[in-house]
Amino acid sequence: MKKEFFLLLFLIVSFLSFGQSREGRYGQVDKKGFYSTMQVNLLMGKEVNKYTPYYYPSLETTGSSLWVPPATAHHQMKLSLVPSLMVSGGYRLNTNWAIGAGTGFELFEKNLFPLFGEVRYMFDGQHITPFLALKGGYAIGNLKEKHHEELILSWSSGTYNDVKFRNHGGLMLHPEVGVSIPLDGKCDLLLTAAVRHQRIKQKVTKVYEVNQHDQWEHKEKLNLLTIGIAFLFR
């Protein structure tokens, strides 16, 4: 976790330094040039959680499995509130269009690190300027399984003991609208609203002996309303 934190901190400093290359005064915005943003979001929505248990008998097992699946699948409806930090950088092609890429850190269950490309369109305006943006990419979870002596997950009705857990993450799409308010010649304040489409895949594995283990797999498609505030540096 410390490695991911310092990597994200390095990226933030790099993006902010990268975005200071613009020279000019208020009201004299260059048509082309580099930009960087730092954005804080709150993702909100309702989600239906499901899980499906699996059983893998040992190779020596010839009869029926001793494991009996639950009579009904587990369903749960809850309100989801997810804080998010994103940083991005790119190039303004002209007065209206810009392209870039970015990363972030989000407190989904066991954390996700999105990597995305983005396209921005700025409408013509003098002061408060509306814009559209589209972010799309992949949110990375754990690169390998992690052992947990005790694990509690929102989509499960119980507690897992002595198990391995991996969050695979999934594809993301983030269409966004907002307004840009110039603060000075080098920085704008952005107020944004978006809809976040996020896929998540998680696995919990409990090993009993060689070639015999239980595995619970959880897949989810989230559609969350997002509000955010950001600073754009040119």
Foldseek 3Di string as FASTA:
>chain_A
DVVVVVVVVVVVVVQVVLQQPDDDWQQDAFFKDKKKKKKKKKWKDKFKWWKDKDWFAAPPDDDDDPDDDDPDTFIDIDMDIKIKIKMWMWMRPGNFKIKIWIWIWMPDPQIWIWTWIKIKTWDDDRFKTKIKMKIWGWIAHDPDWDWDQWDDDPRDPDIDGGKIKTKGWTIKIKIKIWIWGDPIRFKIKIKMKIKMWTKIKMKIWDDDDPRTIMMMIIITIDITIMIMMMMMGD
